[in-house]
Amino acid sequence: MAFGRSVLLVALSAAVSGAQRSAADLDATVKRLMDEQHVVGASVLVAQRGEVLLHKGYGFADLGLEAPGKDETVYHIVGPMLPFTGVAVMQLVEQGRIKLSDQISRYIPEFPLQGRRVTVQQLLDHTSGIVDYHYLGDPIEATSRQPKALDEVMALYAGKTWVNEPGTKWDWSISGFQLLVTIVERVSGMTFADYIKKNLFEPAGLAHTTYCDDYSLVKGLSHAYRRFENGFVAANENDMAYNADLRICSTVGDFYKLWSALKANKLIRAETFKMMETPQGAAARMNAQDPKAQYGLALTINHEDDHRRYGQHGSLFGYSGSLYEFPQDDLTIVVLSNTEGQNAYAISRALSRQVLGLSALPSSSGAPSVALDDVPLAPGERRLLDGTYVLKPDRVSADLHDSYAQYRRTFRVFDENGRLMMQTLGEGPEQLFKQKDGSFARRSAPRSKVTIVVENGRATTMKIESPSLPLSGSRVGPGDPATFHAQLK
């Protein structure tokens, strides 16, 4: 008897020790990725088969106050909320108040369809062909600090060129989710905030999740940051400039509860969720490079090697979020951060591969910092470079969404008390530094080369060479405020 008990104690001790090692290994992975991805603060939750393997905060929730990130620090939710916008729609589908095959003109007759027919399902699975407003450049980026009503958000993309014919191709468009929010409000007779509180958050028993906008004071909300040179600055985008389902603040623990409620069929029926995770038509093939990448109804369906996963990730407002479920492995990972970029997704991928016993991905450490030259300008050179410039993409690479073909961004170059300055519409000005090769550069984007062509004593064109989205275009007038701001009209 004593021998059997000692064997059991040894086995239990070994299991506890293994769990501790696993948590320590996962913790080390998060810390490594935090450093590689240059993340200020993050919260992470990893759970498998109902057991929480890691639930911890990292870095700082607020750099200025040196407030540490905690396991239940609050963040703006960017990415993981979109599947639950889909859940809100599917609840109304279950009630027979919406049909997936319904034409959206039934609910939003004022939206200019330009002779096309778009269904509710095509909004959910990103096959509507409607251009994504947050890839248009000036319309949203120049007004990202300006609060907007639902119809003002719609006006950003209504009437624009369609990227594809409805139902023919998958292409990400957050514009569809703005239209879905409008449909939910009109069908339910409730604000989107009230609807999701009553029908999602309360049934799931969430304690730290709120609708957050300019009229909200959110307890425990982390500050948002973006990279600048070798450090960080505050990210000042306003969530009220975008669609209403992006105005959600929560924690990793609450979103794990929300996801668990979805899995337990507390929000929608099992057969409804099965529809959401089953890709159809053009959404069954997201890109030619990865035939396994698919999209369901408000759900990205992807994989790590042969392990299927679904969920969503994203980044806006200086925040980053990722929530993915591996159904065959009963593994859920939620990562939220307060730093711009897809760092939450990178952390999530690293953790999932570790838990699943897959090989680690190559390190994504950034390139070393760039030292800028400051070559003195020749007399009168600042005057020659003066101008307002409208730039468009030189090319749209295969890894960018089709909406980028309509991207345009306005810049002005001007003299400010003896300094050559450059300003992007909707943002603050910064100094342009001349480099030894004759190009110019900015401290905010030291790897982007700015070239201005001068012909017959006047600037004519500008080019910004950037690895992600090279831009070029013509001078449309002087660099004075009136000409510059007129480009937004």
Protein backbone atom coordinates (compact mmCIF):
# COMPACT_ATOMS: atom_id res chain seq x y z
CA MET A 1 0.00 0.00 0.00
CA ALA A 2 2.77 2.38 1.03
CA PHE A 3 4.68 1.50 -2.13
CA GLY A 4 1.65 2.21 -4.34
CA ARG A 5 1.09 5.54 -2.60
CA SER A 6 4.73 6.53 -3.09
CA VAL A 7 4.53 5.70 -6.80
CA LEU A 8 1.39 7.83 -7.09
CA LEU A 9 3.07 10.73 -5.27
CA VAL A 10 6.10 10.49 -7.55
CA ALA A 11 3.84 10.48 -10.63
CA LEU A 12 1.87 13.48 -9.35
CA SER A 13 5.10 15.29 -8.52
CA ALA A 14 6.45 14.61 -12.00
CA ALA A 15 3.22 15.87 -13.58
CA VAL A 16 3.32 19.08 -11.52
CA SER A 17 6.99 19.54 -12.35
CA GLY A 18 6.25 19.04 -16.05
CA ALA A 19 3.45 21.61 -15.93
CA GLN A 20 5.74 24.05 -14.18
CA ARG A 21 8.42 23.51 -16.81
CA SER A 22 5.84 23.97 -19.54
CA ALA A 23 4.64 27.25 -18.04
CA ALA A 24 8.23 28.40 -17.60
CA ASP A 25 9.04 27.52 -21.22
CA LEU A 26 5.98 29.37 -22.51
CA ASP A 27 6.86 32.34 -20.32
CA ALA A 28 10.37 32.43 -21.77
CA THR A 29 8.94 32.34 -25.31
CA VAL A 30 6.69 35.33 -24.63
CA LYS A 31 9.60 37.31 -23.19
CA ARG A 32 11.73 36.51 -26.24
CA LEU A 33 8.99 37.55 -28.67
CA MET A 34 8.29 40.72 -26.66
CA ASP A 35 11.91 41.71 -27.25
CA GLU A 36 12.02 40.64 -30.91
CA GLN A 37 8.73 42.37 -31.75
CA HIS A 38 9.49 45.52 -29.69
CA VAL A 39 6.34 45.28 -27.58
CA VAL A 40 5.70 47.68 -24.69
CA GLY A 41 3.16 45.55 -22.85
CA ALA A 42 1.07 42.42 -23.37
CA SER A 43 -1.20 39.93 -21.65
CA VAL A 44 -1.30 36.26 -22.64
CA LEU A 45 -3.62 33.33 -21.94
CA VAL A 46 -2.90 29.80 -23.15
CA ALA A 47 -5.37 27.01 -22.37
CA GLN A 48 -5.53 23.40 -23.50
CA ARG A 49 -8.20 20.82 -22.70
CA GLY A 50 -9.74 23.17 -20.15
CA GLU A 51 -6.45 23.75 -18.31
CA VAL A 52 -4.89 27.20 -18.28
CA LEU A 53 -1.18 26.74 -19.02
CA LEU A 54 -0.23 30.42 -18.92
CA HIS A 55 -2.11 33.55 -17.87
CA LYS A 56 0.26 36.44 -17.31
CA GLY A 57 1.05 40.08 -18.06
CA TYR A 58 4.32 41.41 -19.46
CA GLY A 59 6.10 44.72 -19.92
CA PHE A 60 4.26 47.96 -19.20
CA ALA A 61 0.61 48.94 -19.44
CA ASP A 62 1.78 52.56 -19.24
CA LEU A 63 5.38 53.54 -19.95
CA GLY A 64 5.07 57.05 -18.53
CA LEU A 65 3.77 55.81 -15.19
CA GLU A 66 5.89 52.64 -15.34
CA ALA A 67 2.73 50.67 -14.61
CA PRO A 68 3.36 46.97 -15.22
CA GLY A 69 1.30 44.86 -17.59
CA LYS A 70 -0.87 42.39 -15.70
CA ASP A 71 -2.69 39.19 -16.54
CA GLU A 72 -5.99 41.12 -16.76
CA THR A 73 -4.81 44.47 -18.12
CA VAL A 74 -7.47 46.04 -20.35
CA TYR A 75 -6.80 46.67 -24.06
CA HIS A 76 -8.75 47.87 -27.07
CA ILE A 77 -9.73 44.68 -28.90
CA VAL A 78 -8.56 44.76 -32.50
CA GLY A 79 -9.02 41.55 -34.47
CA PRO A 80 -10.57 39.07 -32.02
CA MET A 81 -13.85 41.03 -31.84
CA LEU A 82 -14.68 40.51 -35.53
CA PRO A 83 -15.79 36.85 -35.13
CA PHE A 84 -18.23 38.02 -32.47
CA THR A 85 -19.68 40.62 -34.80
CA GLY A 86 -20.38 37.55 -36.92
CA VAL A 87 -21.94 35.82 -33.92
CA ALA A 88 -24.26 38.81 -33.41
CA VAL A 89 -25.41 38.50 -37.03
CA MET A 90 -25.82 34.73 -36.78
CA GLN A 91 -27.99 35.10 -33.66
CA LEU A 92 -30.41 37.13 -35.75
CA VAL A 93 -30.15 34.52 -38.52
CA GLU A 94 -31.13 31.83 -36.00
CA GLN A 95 -34.16 33.93 -35.02
CA GLY A 96 -35.24 34.18 -38.67
CA ARG A 97 -34.83 37.96 -38.69
CA ILE A 98 -31.97 37.88 -41.21
CA LYS A 99 -31.18 35.45 -44.01
CA LEU A 100 -27.63 34.99 -45.23
CA SER A 101 -28.96 35.14 -48.78
CA ASP A 102 -30.69 38.48 -48.20
CA GLN A 103 -29.56 41.34 -50.42
CA ILE A 104 -28.06 44.09 -48.25
CA SER A 105 -30.22 46.59 -50.13
CA ARG A 106 -33.11 45.24 -48.03
CA TYR A 107 -31.50 46.70 -44.90
CA ILE A 108 -29.33 49.54 -46.24
CA PRO A 109 -31.14 50.86 -49.33
CA GLU A 110 -29.09 54.07 -49.32
CA PHE A 111 -25.77 52.27 -49.95
CA PRO A 112 -24.75 52.77 -53.62
CA LEU A 113 -24.47 49.25 -55.06
CA GLN A 114 -23.79 50.58 -58.58
CA GLY A 115 -25.97 47.90 -60.15
CA ARG A 116 -24.50 45.02 -58.13
CA ARG A 117 -26.18 42.55 -55.78
CA VAL A 118 -24.44 41.85 -52.47
CA THR A 119 -25.67 39.40 -49.81
CA VAL A 120 -25.25 39.38 -46.04
CA GLN A 121 -23.09 36.25 -46.40
CA GLN A 122 -20.73 38.06 -48.76
CA LEU A 123 -20.19 40.74 -46.11
CA LEU A 124 -19.40 38.04 -43.54
CA ASP A 125 -16.96 36.11 -45.71
CA HIS A 126 -15.26 39.10 -47.43
CA THR A 127 -16.37 38.26 -50.95
CA SER A 128 -18.56 41.36 -51.45
CA GLY A 129 -16.03 43.19 -53.64
CA ILE A 130 -16.55 46.40 -51.64
CA VAL A 131 -13.34 48.36 -51.18
CA ASP A 132 -11.83 48.38 -47.67
CA TYR A 133 -11.91 51.96 -46.42
CA HIS A 134 -8.93 51.63 -44.13
CA TYR A 135 -6.69 50.82 -47.11
CA LEU A 136 -7.69 53.93 -49.06
CA GLY A 137 -5.14 56.25 -47.46
CA ASP A 138 -6.26 59.86 -47.06
CA PRO A 139 -9.99 59.26 -46.43
CA ILE A 140 -9.30 57.42 -43.16
CA GLU A 141 -5.65 58.03 -42.29
CA ALA A 142 -6.01 61.80 -42.56
CA THR A 143 -9.05 61.68 -40.27
CA SER A 144 -8.02 58.89 -37.88
CA ARG A 145 -8.26 61.27 -34.91
CA GLN A 146 -11.72 62.52 -35.91
CA PRO A 147 -14.79 60.79 -34.40
CA LYS A 148 -17.42 59.66 -36.90
CA ALA A 149 -21.02 58.51 -36.88
CA LEU A 150 -21.92 55.28 -38.67
CA ASP A 151 -22.99 57.10 -41.83
CA GLU A 152 -19.75 59.12 -41.85
CA VAL A 153 -17.76 55.88 -41.81
CA MET A 154 -19.88 54.56 -44.68
CA ALA A 155 -19.24 57.78 -46.62
CA LEU A 156 -15.50 56.98 -46.62
CA TYR A 157 -16.00 54.15 -49.12
CA ALA A 158 -19.51 54.51 -50.57
CA GLY A 159 -19.30 55.18 -54.29
CA LYS A 160 -15.67 54.07 -54.63
CA THR A 161 -14.48 51.68 -57.33
CA TRP A 162 -15.30 48.04 -56.54
CA VAL A 163 -12.27 45.79 -56.17
CA ASN A 164 -14.03 42.67 -57.48
CA GLU A 165 -17.45 41.55 -58.62
CA PRO A 166 -19.48 40.21 -55.66
CA GLY A 167 -18.88 36.54 -54.92
CA THR A 168 -15.96 36.10 -57.36
CA LYS A 169 -12.94 36.56 -55.09
CA TRP A 170 -12.01 36.73 -51.42
CA ASP A 171 -10.45 40.03 -50.39
CA TRP A 172 -10.40 41.45 -46.88
CA SER A 173 -12.76 44.41 -46.41
CA ILE A 174 -13.57 45.81 -42.99
CA SER A 175 -16.13 47.98 -44.77
CA GLY A 176 -18.39 44.93 -44.77
CA PHE A 177 -18.31 44.82 -40.98
CA GLN A 178 -19.37 48.45 -40.78
CA LEU A 179 -22.37 47.51 -42.91
CA LEU A 180 -23.05 44.47 -40.70
CA VAL A 181 -23.12 46.68 -37.60
CA THR A 182 -25.69 48.87 -39.35
CA ILE A 183 -27.79 45.80 -40.21
CA VAL A 184 -27.66 44.50 -36.61
CA GLU A 185 -28.82 47.85 -35.30
CA ARG A 186 -31.68 48.19 -37.80
CA VAL A 187 -32.95 44.63 -37.38
CA SER A 188 -32.64 44.49 -33.57
CA GLY A 189 -33.77 48.05 -32.89
CA MET A 190 -30.85 48.40 -30.46
CA THR A 191 -27.51 50.15 -30.57
CA PHE A 192 -24.68 47.76 -31.36
CA ALA A 193 -23.22 48.46 -27.90
CA ASP A 194 -26.47 47.50 -26.16
CA TYR A 195 -27.00 44.47 -28.38
CA ILE A 196 -23.63 42.84 -27.73
CA LYS A 197 -23.80 43.63 -24.02
CA LYS A 198 -27.18 41.91 -23.66
CA ASN A 199 -26.65 39.04 -26.11
CA LEU A 200 -22.91 38.27 -25.87
CA PHE A 201 -21.17 39.78 -22.87
CA GLU A 202 -23.81 39.13 -20.20
CA PRO A 203 -24.53 35.50 -21.21
CA ALA A 204 -20.78 34.79 -21.14
CA GLY A 205 -20.41 36.34 -17.67
CA LEU A 206 -17.81 38.93 -18.66
CA ALA A 207 -16.61 41.23 -15.88
CA HIS A 208 -14.02 43.49 -17.54
CA THR A 209 -15.46 44.08 -21.02
CA THR A 210 -17.01 47.39 -22.00
CA TYR A 211 -18.01 49.40 -25.02
CA CYS A 212 -15.40 52.16 -25.04
CA ASP A 213 -15.41 55.43 -26.94
CA ASP A 214 -14.85 59.13 -26.30
CA TYR A 215 -17.63 59.12 -23.72
CA SER A 216 -16.20 56.24 -21.69
CA LEU A 217 -13.72 56.09 -18.85
CA VAL A 218 -12.29 52.57 -18.86
CA LYS A 219 -10.74 51.36 -15.64
CA GLY A 220 -7.38 49.63 -16.13
CA LEU A 221 -7.05 50.53 -19.83
CA SER A 222 -3.46 50.35 -21.05
CA HIS A 223 -1.90 53.19 -23.02
CA ALA A 224 -1.25 52.59 -26.73
CA TYR A 225 2.13 52.98 -28.44
CA ARG A 226 3.88 52.87 -31.79
CA ARG A 227 7.54 52.62 -32.66
CA PHE A 228 9.47 55.82 -33.33
CA GLU A 229 13.22 55.68 -34.03
CA ASN A 230 14.59 53.42 -31.26
CA GLY A 231 11.78 54.03 -28.81
CA PHE A 232 8.05 54.48 -28.52
CA VAL A 233 5.55 57.32 -28.75
CA ALA A 234 1.85 57.46 -27.98
CA ALA A 235 -0.49 56.20 -30.69
CA ASN A 236 -3.29 58.72 -31.00
CA GLU A 237 -5.80 57.14 -33.38
CA ASN A 238 -9.41 57.42 -32.21
CA ASP A 239 -11.48 54.25 -32.22
CA MET A 240 -14.57 56.36 -32.93
CA ALA A 241 -13.09 57.12 -36.36
CA TYR A 242 -13.80 53.49 -37.36
CA ASN A 243 -16.79 51.16 -37.27
CA ALA A 244 -18.58 50.57 -33.99
CA ASP A 245 -17.52 46.95 -33.47
CA LEU A 246 -13.92 48.17 -33.01
CA ARG A 247 -14.92 50.18 -29.94
CA ILE A 248 -14.55 47.31 -27.46
CA CYS A 249 -12.17 47.13 -24.46
CA SER A 250 -11.49 43.87 -22.67
CA THR A 251 -8.93 41.44 -21.20
CA VAL A 252 -7.49 38.09 -22.28
CA GLY A 253 -9.42 36.38 -19.48
CA ASP A 254 -12.74 37.83 -20.56
CA PHE A 255 -12.17 36.99 -24.20
CA TYR A 256 -11.28 33.43 -23.25
CA LYS A 257 -14.62 33.29 -21.36
CA LEU A 258 -16.41 34.70 -24.40
CA TRP A 259 -14.79 32.15 -26.70
CA SER A 260 -15.56 29.34 -24.24
CA ALA A 261 -19.21 30.42 -24.16
CA LEU A 262 -19.24 30.22 -27.97
CA LYS A 263 -17.71 26.74 -27.91
CA ALA A 264 -20.25 25.63 -25.28
CA ASN A 265 -23.15 26.75 -27.55
CA LYS A 266 -24.28 29.44 -25.09
CA LEU A 267 -24.30 32.16 -27.77
CA ILE A 268 -25.34 30.30 -30.93
CA ARG A 269 -26.27 26.70 -31.72
CA ALA A 270 -23.60 24.14 -32.60
CA GLU A 271 -24.86 23.84 -36.17
CA THR A 272 -24.66 27.63 -36.58
CA PHE A 273 -21.07 27.73 -35.42
CA LYS A 274 -20.36 24.85 -37.81
CA MET A 275 -21.59 27.12 -40.63
CA MET A 276 -19.24 29.86 -39.45
CA GLU A 277 -16.20 27.58 -39.59
CA THR A 278 -17.06 26.11 -43.00
CA PRO A 279 -15.71 28.11 -45.99
CA GLN A 280 -17.81 28.34 -49.11
CA GLY A 281 -17.31 29.53 -52.67
CA ALA A 282 -14.55 32.07 -53.27
CA ALA A 283 -13.80 32.23 -49.53
CA ALA A 284 -12.53 28.64 -49.64
CA ARG A 285 -9.33 29.90 -51.30
CA MET A 286 -7.93 33.08 -49.80
CA ASN A 287 -4.67 33.15 -51.73
CA ALA A 288 -2.79 31.11 -54.28
CA GLN A 289 0.33 30.89 -52.13
CA ASP A 290 -1.41 28.91 -49.37
CA PRO A 291 -4.27 26.64 -50.52
CA LYS A 292 -5.04 25.76 -46.87
CA ALA A 293 -5.83 29.37 -45.99
CA GLN A 294 -9.60 29.87 -46.01
CA TYR A 295 -12.29 32.12 -44.60
CA GLY A 296 -15.60 31.13 -43.05
CA LEU A 297 -18.22 33.54 -41.75
CA ALA A 298 -16.23 36.16 -39.83
CA LEU A 299 -13.55 33.54 -39.12
CA THR A 300 -10.05 33.17 -40.54
CA ILE A 301 -9.32 29.47 -41.07
CA ASN A 302 -5.64 28.69 -41.28
CA HIS A 303 -3.02 26.30 -39.93
CA GLU A 304 0.32 25.77 -38.24
CA ASP A 305 1.84 22.98 -40.33
CA ASP A 306 -0.94 20.35 -40.31
CA HIS A 307 -2.76 21.71 -37.26
CA ARG A 308 -5.96 23.51 -38.27
CA ARG A 309 -6.89 26.72 -36.47
CA TYR A 310 -9.53 29.44 -36.69
CA GLY A 311 -9.94 32.87 -35.13
CA GLN A 312 -8.76 36.37 -35.99
CA HIS A 313 -5.91 38.82 -35.43
CA GLY A 314 -5.35 42.49 -36.21
CA SER A 315 -3.83 45.82 -35.22
CA LEU A 316 -5.16 49.40 -35.00
CA PHE A 317 -5.08 52.36 -32.60
CA GLY A 318 -1.66 51.30 -31.28
CA TYR A 319 -3.06 47.96 -30.07
CA SER A 320 -2.64 44.41 -31.34
CA GLY A 321 -4.79 41.34 -30.75
CA SER A 322 -4.94 37.66 -31.62
CA LEU A 323 -7.35 34.85 -30.68
CA TYR A 324 -6.97 31.42 -32.27
CA GLU A 325 -8.43 28.03 -31.54
CA PHE A 326 -6.89 24.72 -32.63
CA PRO A 327 -10.03 22.52 -32.54
CA GLN A 328 -8.38 19.13 -32.98
CA ASP A 329 -5.85 19.97 -30.26
CA ASP A 330 -8.38 21.70 -27.95
CA LEU A 331 -5.93 24.61 -27.69
CA THR A 332 -6.91 28.27 -27.31
CA ILE A 333 -4.47 31.19 -27.28
CA VAL A 334 -5.42 34.82 -26.61
CA VAL A 335 -2.80 37.58 -26.86
CA LEU A 336 -3.43 41.31 -26.47
CA SER A 337 -0.81 44.07 -26.60
CA ASN A 338 -0.62 47.86 -26.46
CA THR A 339 1.86 48.23 -29.34
CA GLU A 340 1.13 48.82 -33.03
CA GLY A 341 1.83 45.95 -35.43
CA GLN A 342 0.98 42.27 -35.74
CA ASN A 343 3.03 41.39 -32.66
CA ALA A 344 0.14 39.66 -30.83
CA TYR A 345 -0.20 37.29 -33.79
CA ALA A 346 3.55 36.62 -33.79
CA ILE A 347 3.46 35.77 -30.06
CA SER A 348 0.40 33.58 -30.57
CA ARG A 349 2.06 31.65 -33.39
CA ALA A 350 5.24 31.06 -31.38
CA LEU A 351 3.28 29.80 -28.37
CA SER A 352 1.04 27.52 -30.43
CA ARG A 353 3.99 25.92 -32.17
CA GLN A 354 5.68 25.33 -28.83
CA VAL A 355 2.62 23.69 -27.27
CA LEU A 356 2.06 21.56 -30.38
CA GLY A 357 5.69 20.47 -30.49
CA LEU A 358 6.40 22.11 -33.85
CA SER A 359 9.69 23.66 -34.89
CA ALA A 360 10.15 27.31 -33.97
CA LEU A 361 9.76 29.97 -36.65
CA PRO A 362 12.83 31.98 -37.67
CA SER A 363 13.60 35.00 -35.52
CA SER A 364 11.98 38.20 -36.77
CA SER A 365 14.32 40.63 -35.03
CA GLY A 366 14.28 44.01 -36.72
CA ALA A 367 17.14 45.39 -38.73
CA PRO A 368 19.67 47.59 -36.90
CA SER A 369 18.87 51.27 -36.52
CA VAL A 370 19.79 53.68 -39.29
CA ALA A 371 21.88 56.79 -38.71
CA LEU A 372 20.64 59.68 -40.85
CA ASP A 373 22.89 62.19 -42.56
CA ASP A 374 22.18 65.90 -42.28
CA VAL A 375 23.77 67.42 -45.36
CA PRO A 376 23.41 71.23 -45.47
CA LEU A 377 20.97 72.46 -48.09
CA ALA A 378 22.15 74.75 -50.86
CA PRO A 379 20.85 78.34 -50.85
CA GLY A 380 17.28 78.42 -52.15
CA GLU A 381 16.90 74.62 -52.18
CA ARG A 382 14.08 74.62 -49.65
CA ARG A 383 12.10 76.98 -51.91
CA LEU A 384 12.62 74.72 -54.94
CA LEU A 385 11.30 71.65 -53.09
CA ASP A 386 8.17 73.36 -51.76
CA GLY A 387 4.89 71.75 -52.82
CA THR A 388 1.83 69.62 -52.13
CA TYR A 389 2.21 66.11 -53.57
CA VAL A 390 -0.41 63.39 -54.08
CA LEU A 391 1.18 59.93 -54.15
CA LYS A 392 -0.16 56.53 -55.17
CA PRO A 393 1.36 53.03 -55.09
CA ASP A 394 3.97 52.24 -57.73
CA ARG A 395 2.71 48.66 -57.55
CA VAL A 396 0.48 46.53 -55.33
CA SER A 397 2.32 43.35 -54.40
CA ALA A 398 0.57 39.98 -54.19
CA ASP A 399 0.64 40.01 -50.38
CA LEU A 400 -1.43 43.23 -50.20
CA HIS A 401 -5.21 43.43 -50.49
CA ASP A 402 -6.81 44.59 -53.72
CA SER A 403 -8.14 47.75 -52.05
CA TYR A 404 -4.60 49.16 -52.01
CA ALA A 405 -4.93 49.86 -55.74
CA GLN A 406 -7.03 52.88 -54.71
CA TYR A 407 -4.64 54.02 -51.97
CA ARG A 408 -3.53 57.65 -52.13
CA ARG A 409 -1.68 59.81 -49.62
CA THR A 410 -1.05 63.56 -49.61
CA PHE A 411 2.18 65.19 -48.42
CA ARG A 412 3.49 68.72 -48.34
CA VAL A 413 7.10 69.94 -48.25
CA PHE A 414 7.67 73.45 -46.95
CA ASP A 415 10.08 75.80 -45.21
CA GLU A 416 9.45 76.35 -41.51
CA ASN A 417 11.77 79.03 -40.18
CA GLY A 418 14.83 77.72 -41.98
CA ARG A 419 14.01 73.99 -41.64
CA LEU A 420 12.87 71.79 -44.51
CA MET A 421 9.70 70.10 -43.27
CA MET A 422 7.44 67.31 -44.53
CA GLN A 423 3.87 66.74 -43.40
CA THR A 424 1.45 63.92 -44.14
CA LEU A 425 -2.21 64.94 -44.30
CA GLY A 426 -3.77 64.48 -40.87
CA GLU A 427 -0.42 64.14 -39.08
CA GLY A 428 2.18 66.44 -37.55
CA PRO A 429 5.12 67.86 -39.53
CA GLU A 430 8.66 66.58 -39.15
CA GLN A 431 12.02 67.62 -40.49
CA LEU A 432 13.44 66.27 -43.74
CA PHE A 433 17.15 65.49 -43.63
CA LYS A 434 19.19 65.50 -46.82
CA GLN A 435 21.30 62.39 -47.33
CA LYS A 436 24.67 62.10 -49.02
CA ASP A 437 23.12 60.50 -52.13
CA GLY A 438 20.84 63.53 -52.61
CA SER A 439 17.67 61.90 -51.29
CA PHE A 440 15.89 62.84 -48.06
CA ALA A 441 14.77 60.92 -44.98
CA ARG A 442 12.65 61.32 -41.84
CA ARG A 443 13.31 60.10 -38.33
CA SER A 444 9.88 58.42 -38.17
CA ALA A 445 10.71 56.28 -41.23
CA PRO A 446 14.51 56.25 -41.55
CA ARG A 447 14.50 53.38 -44.09
CA SER A 448 12.15 55.13 -46.49
CA LYS A 449 14.00 57.20 -49.11
CA VAL A 450 12.28 60.40 -50.21
CA THR A 451 13.26 61.71 -53.65
CA ILE A 452 11.97 64.96 -55.17
CA VAL A 453 12.59 65.71 -58.84
CA VAL A 454 13.18 69.37 -59.79
CA GLU A 455 12.78 70.41 -63.43
CA ASN A 456 13.16 73.92 -64.86
CA GLY A 457 13.49 75.41 -61.41
CA ARG A 458 10.43 73.74 -59.86
CA ALA A 459 9.67 70.45 -58.13
CA THR A 460 7.53 68.17 -60.27
CA THR A 461 7.34 64.72 -58.67
CA MET A 462 8.01 62.92 -55.40
CA LYS A 463 8.85 59.29 -54.74
CA ILE A 464 8.94 57.47 -51.39
CA GLU A 465 10.79 54.19 -51.63
CA SER A 466 9.46 51.88 -48.91
CA PRO A 467 9.76 48.07 -48.70
CA SER A 468 6.07 47.65 -47.96
CA LEU A 469 4.33 50.16 -50.23
CA PRO A 470 6.44 52.35 -52.55
CA LEU A 471 4.64 55.56 -53.52
CA SER A 472 5.11 58.16 -56.23
CA GLY A 473 3.16 61.07 -57.65
CA SER A 474 3.05 64.63 -58.86
CA ARG A 475 3.19 68.05 -57.30
CA VAL A 476 -0.36 69.46 -57.42
CA GLY A 477 0.40 72.94 -56.10
CA PRO A 478 2.34 74.91 -53.50
CA GLY A 479 2.94 73.62 -50.01
CA ASP A 480 0.68 76.17 -48.31
CA PRO A 481 -2.04 74.99 -45.86
CA ALA A 482 -4.96 75.86 -48.17
CA THR A 483 -3.67 73.74 -51.07
CA PHE A 484 -2.63 70.94 -48.73
CA HIS A 485 -5.95 70.60 -46.87
CA ALA A 486 -8.00 71.03 -50.04
CA GLN A 487 -6.87 67.56 -51.12
CA LEU A 488 -9.18 65.94 -48.55
CA LYS A 489 -12.29 67.51 -50.07
